[in-house]
Amino acid sequence: MSSLLTMAITATVVMYLLAMGLGLARLLRGPSAQDRVLAVDFLYVVGMLVMLVLAIRYDSDMYFEGALLMVLFGFVGSVALAKFLLRGEVIE
C-alpha cells in the first residue's frame, strides 16, 4: 500500500471520528427525541463508513460484512424508534 493511500485513510478515519464526536454531542444535547433519533442514525452511518475505510486499509472482507450487518440493524432500529415516537408502541 502506498504511503499516500495510508495518509489518506488515516485522515479519513480522523475526520469520521470527529464527525462521530459531533453526532454524539447532538445525541446528548438534542432538544427533542427526533433529534436524538437522527443523531443515532448519523452515528451508525458514520460507523459503517469507518468500517468500510478500515476494510480498504486491512484488505479484509470481514469489515464489509460487519458494515452490512451494522446498516441492516441500524435501519431496523430506526424504523422501530420512528414507529415508537409516532404511535407510542412498536408492536401492535
N, C-alpha and C. Protein backbone atom coordinates (compact mmCIF):
# COMPACT_ATOMS: atom_id res chain seq x y z
N MET A 1 0.85 -1.17 0.00
CA MET A 1 0.00 0.00 0.00
C MET A 1 0.90 1.23 0.00
N SER A 2 0.55 2.19 -0.82
CA SER A 2 1.38 3.38 -0.93
C SER A 2 1.22 4.28 0.30
N SER A 3 2.22 5.12 0.51
CA SER A 3 2.18 6.00 1.67
C SER A 3 1.09 7.05 1.52
N LEU A 4 0.80 7.45 0.27
CA LEU A 4 -0.28 8.42 0.05
C LEU A 4 -1.63 7.85 0.45
N LEU A 5 -1.87 6.58 0.10
CA LEU A 5 -3.13 5.93 0.48
C LEU A 5 -3.21 5.77 1.99
N THR A 6 -2.12 5.42 2.63
CA THR A 6 -2.10 5.28 4.08
C THR A 6 -2.42 6.61 4.76
N MET A 7 -1.83 7.71 4.27
CA MET A 7 -2.11 9.02 4.84
C MET A 7 -3.56 9.43 4.60
N ALA A 8 -4.10 9.13 3.43
CA ALA A 8 -5.48 9.47 3.12
C ALA A 8 -6.45 8.69 4.01
N ILE A 9 -6.17 7.42 4.22
CA ILE A 9 -7.02 6.60 5.08
C ILE A 9 -6.97 7.10 6.52
N THR A 10 -5.78 7.44 6.99
CA THR A 10 -5.65 7.96 8.34
C THR A 10 -6.42 9.28 8.50
N ALA A 11 -6.28 10.17 7.54
CA ALA A 11 -7.00 11.45 7.60
C ALA A 11 -8.51 11.23 7.56
N THR A 12 -8.95 10.29 6.75
CA THR A 12 -10.38 9.99 6.64
C THR A 12 -10.94 9.46 7.95
N VAL A 13 -10.22 8.55 8.57
CA VAL A 13 -10.69 7.98 9.83
C VAL A 13 -10.73 9.06 10.91
N VAL A 14 -9.74 9.94 10.94
CA VAL A 14 -9.73 11.01 11.93
C VAL A 14 -10.93 11.94 11.72
N MET A 15 -11.23 12.28 10.47
CA MET A 15 -12.39 13.15 10.20
C MET A 15 -13.70 12.45 10.54
N TYR A 16 -13.79 11.16 10.27
CA TYR A 16 -15.00 10.42 10.64
C TYR A 16 -15.16 10.38 12.16
N LEU A 17 -14.06 10.21 12.88
CA LEU A 17 -14.15 10.20 14.34
C LEU A 17 -14.56 11.56 14.87
N LEU A 18 -14.10 12.63 14.25
CA LEU A 18 -14.54 13.97 14.62
C LEU A 18 -16.04 14.12 14.36
N ALA A 19 -16.50 13.63 13.23
CA ALA A 19 -17.93 13.68 12.91
C ALA A 19 -18.74 12.87 13.92
N MET A 20 -18.21 11.73 14.35
CA MET A 20 -18.90 10.92 15.34
C MET A 20 -18.97 11.65 16.68
N GLY A 21 -17.93 12.38 17.01
CA GLY A 21 -17.96 13.18 18.24
C GLY A 21 -19.03 14.25 18.19
N LEU A 22 -19.17 14.91 17.04
CA LEU A 22 -20.22 15.91 16.89
C LEU A 22 -21.60 15.27 16.94
N GLY A 23 -21.74 14.10 16.35
CA GLY A 23 -23.01 13.38 16.42
C GLY A 23 -23.34 12.95 17.84
N LEU A 24 -22.33 12.54 18.59
CA LEU A 24 -22.54 12.16 19.98
C LEU A 24 -22.96 13.36 20.81
N ALA A 25 -22.39 14.54 20.51
CA ALA A 25 -22.81 15.75 21.21
C ALA A 25 -24.27 16.06 20.92
N ARG A 26 -24.72 15.87 19.68
CA ARG A 26 -26.12 16.11 19.33
C ARG A 26 -27.01 15.08 20.02
N LEU A 27 -26.51 13.86 20.14
CA LEU A 27 -27.29 12.82 20.81
C LEU A 27 -27.50 13.17 22.27
N LEU A 28 -26.48 13.70 22.92
CA LEU A 28 -26.59 14.02 24.33
C LEU A 28 -27.33 15.33 24.58
N ARG A 29 -27.21 16.31 23.67
CA ARG A 29 -27.81 17.62 23.87
C ARG A 29 -29.12 17.81 23.14
N GLY A 30 -29.51 16.87 22.31
CA GLY A 30 -30.68 17.06 21.45
C GLY A 30 -31.90 17.54 22.21
N PRO A 31 -32.52 18.62 21.75
CA PRO A 31 -33.67 19.14 22.49
C PRO A 31 -34.91 18.26 22.39
N SER A 32 -35.00 17.44 21.37
CA SER A 32 -36.18 16.59 21.23
C SER A 32 -35.76 15.16 20.92
N ALA A 33 -36.72 14.27 21.04
CA ALA A 33 -36.44 12.85 20.77
C ALA A 33 -36.12 12.63 19.29
N GLN A 34 -36.73 13.42 18.41
CA GLN A 34 -36.46 13.28 16.98
C GLN A 34 -35.02 13.63 16.66
N ASP A 35 -34.47 14.65 17.32
CA ASP A 35 -33.07 14.99 17.12
C ASP A 35 -32.15 13.86 17.57
N ARG A 36 -32.52 13.22 18.64
CA ARG A 36 -31.70 12.11 19.15
C ARG A 36 -31.77 10.90 18.22
N VAL A 37 -32.92 10.64 17.64
CA VAL A 37 -33.05 9.54 16.69
C VAL A 37 -32.20 9.82 15.45
N LEU A 38 -32.25 11.04 14.95
CA LEU A 38 -31.41 11.40 13.80
C LEU A 38 -29.93 11.29 14.14
N ALA A 39 -29.56 11.64 15.36
CA ALA A 39 -28.16 11.52 15.77
C ALA A 39 -27.73 10.06 15.80
N VAL A 40 -28.60 9.18 16.27
CA VAL A 40 -28.27 7.74 16.26
C VAL A 40 -28.12 7.24 14.83
N ASP A 41 -29.01 7.66 13.95
CA ASP A 41 -28.89 7.29 12.54
C ASP A 41 -27.56 7.77 11.97
N PHE A 42 -27.22 8.99 12.26
CA PHE A 42 -25.96 9.56 11.78
C PHE A 42 -24.77 8.76 12.31
N LEU A 43 -24.82 8.39 13.59
CA LEU A 43 -23.71 7.65 14.19
C LEU A 43 -23.53 6.28 13.56
N TYR A 44 -24.61 5.57 13.29
CA TYR A 44 -24.41 4.25 12.70
C TYR A 44 -23.98 4.34 11.24
N VAL A 45 -24.39 5.37 10.53
CA VAL A 45 -23.93 5.53 9.15
C VAL A 45 -22.44 5.87 9.12
N VAL A 46 -22.01 6.76 9.99
CA VAL A 46 -20.59 7.12 10.04
C VAL A 46 -19.77 5.93 10.54
N GLY A 47 -20.31 5.17 11.48
CA GLY A 47 -19.62 3.96 11.93
C GLY A 47 -19.45 2.96 10.80
N MET A 48 -20.47 2.83 9.96
CA MET A 48 -20.37 1.96 8.79
C MET A 48 -19.28 2.45 7.84
N LEU A 49 -19.21 3.78 7.64
CA LEU A 49 -18.18 4.33 6.76
C LEU A 49 -16.78 4.07 7.32
N VAL A 50 -16.63 4.17 8.63
CA VAL A 50 -15.33 3.85 9.25
C VAL A 50 -14.97 2.40 8.99
N MET A 51 -15.95 1.51 9.14
CA MET A 51 -15.66 0.09 8.89
C MET A 51 -15.28 -0.15 7.43
N LEU A 52 -15.91 0.56 6.49
CA LEU A 52 -15.55 0.38 5.09
C LEU A 52 -14.14 0.90 4.80
N VAL A 53 -13.77 2.01 5.41
CA VAL A 53 -12.40 2.53 5.22
C VAL A 53 -11.39 1.56 5.82
N LEU A 54 -11.71 0.99 6.98
CA LEU A 54 -10.80 0.01 7.58
C LEU A 54 -10.73 -1.27 6.74
N ALA A 55 -11.81 -1.63 6.07
CA ALA A 55 -11.78 -2.78 5.17
C ALA A 55 -10.81 -2.54 4.02
N ILE A 56 -10.80 -1.32 3.50
CA ILE A 56 -9.85 -0.99 2.45
C ILE A 56 -8.43 -1.02 3.00
N ARG A 57 -8.26 -0.48 4.20
CA ARG A 57 -6.92 -0.40 4.81
C ARG A 57 -6.33 -1.79 5.06
N TYR A 58 -7.12 -2.68 5.65
CA TYR A 58 -6.61 -4.00 6.02
C TYR A 58 -6.90 -5.07 4.97
N ASP A 59 -7.57 -4.70 3.88
CA ASP A 59 -7.87 -5.62 2.79
C ASP A 59 -8.57 -6.88 3.30
N SER A 60 -9.67 -6.65 4.04
CA SER A 60 -10.39 -7.76 4.66
C SER A 60 -11.86 -7.69 4.29
N ASP A 61 -12.44 -8.82 3.95
CA ASP A 61 -13.86 -8.90 3.62
C ASP A 61 -14.75 -8.87 4.86
N MET A 62 -14.20 -9.22 6.00
CA MET A 62 -14.99 -9.27 7.23
C MET A 62 -15.52 -7.89 7.61
N TYR A 63 -14.77 -6.85 7.34
CA TYR A 63 -15.22 -5.50 7.64
C TYR A 63 -16.43 -5.13 6.78
N PHE A 64 -16.43 -5.56 5.52
CA PHE A 64 -17.56 -5.29 4.64
C PHE A 64 -18.82 -5.98 5.16
N GLU A 65 -18.67 -7.21 5.61
CA GLU A 65 -19.82 -7.94 6.14
C GLU A 65 -20.31 -7.31 7.43
N GLY A 66 -19.38 -6.88 8.27
CA GLY A 66 -19.76 -6.19 9.50
C GLY A 66 -20.48 -4.88 9.23
N ALA A 67 -20.01 -4.14 8.22
CA ALA A 67 -20.67 -2.88 7.86
C ALA A 67 -22.09 -3.15 7.35
N LEU A 68 -22.26 -4.19 6.58
CA LEU A 68 -23.60 -4.54 6.08
C LEU A 68 -24.54 -4.88 7.22
N LEU A 69 -24.06 -5.68 8.16
CA LEU A 69 -24.89 -6.02 9.32
C LEU A 69 -25.22 -4.79 10.16
N MET A 70 -24.24 -3.91 10.31
CA MET A 70 -24.46 -2.70 11.09
C MET A 70 -25.56 -1.84 10.47
N VAL A 71 -25.54 -1.70 9.16
CA VAL A 71 -26.56 -0.89 8.49
C VAL A 71 -27.93 -1.56 8.57
N LEU A 72 -27.98 -2.87 8.41
CA LEU A 72 -29.27 -3.56 8.50
C LEU A 72 -29.89 -3.41 9.88
N PHE A 73 -29.10 -3.63 10.93
CA PHE A 73 -29.62 -3.48 12.28
C PHE A 73 -29.95 -2.02 12.59
N GLY A 74 -29.16 -1.11 12.09
CA GLY A 74 -29.44 0.31 12.29
C GLY A 74 -30.74 0.73 11.64
N PHE A 75 -31.00 0.23 10.44
CA PHE A 75 -32.25 0.55 9.76
C PHE A 75 -33.44 0.02 10.52
N VAL A 76 -33.37 -1.21 10.97
CA VAL A 76 -34.47 -1.80 11.73
C VAL A 76 -34.69 -1.02 13.02
N GLY A 77 -33.60 -0.64 13.67
CA GLY A 77 -33.73 0.15 14.89
C GLY A 77 -34.34 1.51 14.64
N SER A 78 -33.97 2.14 13.54
CA SER A 78 -34.54 3.44 13.20
C SER A 78 -36.03 3.35 12.91
N VAL A 79 -36.42 2.31 12.21
CA VAL A 79 -37.85 2.13 11.93
C VAL A 79 -38.61 1.89 13.22
N ALA A 80 -38.05 1.10 14.12
CA ALA A 80 -38.72 0.83 15.40
C ALA A 80 -38.82 2.11 16.24
N LEU A 81 -37.76 2.90 16.27
CA LEU A 81 -37.80 4.16 17.04
C LEU A 81 -38.79 5.14 16.44
N ALA A 82 -38.82 5.23 15.12
CA ALA A 82 -39.75 6.14 14.47
C ALA A 82 -41.20 5.72 14.73
N LYS A 83 -41.46 4.43 14.67
CA LYS A 83 -42.81 3.94 14.94
C LYS A 83 -43.19 4.17 16.40
N PHE A 84 -42.23 4.00 17.30
CA PHE A 84 -42.50 4.25 18.71
C PHE A 84 -42.79 5.72 18.96
N LEU A 85 -42.02 6.62 18.34
CA LEU A 85 -42.26 8.05 18.53
C LEU A 85 -43.58 8.48 17.89
N LEU A 86 -43.97 7.84 16.83
CA LEU A 86 -45.19 8.21 16.13
C LEU A 86 -46.44 7.72 16.84
N ARG A 87 -46.42 6.45 17.28
CA ARG A 87 -47.64 5.83 17.84
C ARG A 87 -47.55 5.49 19.31
N GLY A 88 -46.36 5.47 19.87
CA GLY A 88 -46.23 5.14 21.29
C GLY A 88 -46.06 3.65 21.57
N GLU A 89 -46.06 2.82 20.53
CA GLU A 89 -45.82 1.39 20.69
C GLU A 89 -45.16 0.87 19.42
N VAL A 90 -44.38 -0.19 19.58
CA VAL A 90 -43.67 -0.75 18.44
C VAL A 90 -44.46 -1.88 17.82
N ILE A 91 -44.97 -2.78 18.66
CA ILE A 91 -45.72 -3.93 18.18
C ILE A 91 -47.19 -3.71 18.48
N GLU A 92 -48.01 -3.81 17.46
CA GLU A 92 -49.45 -3.57 17.65
C GLU A 92 -50.17 -4.85 17.96
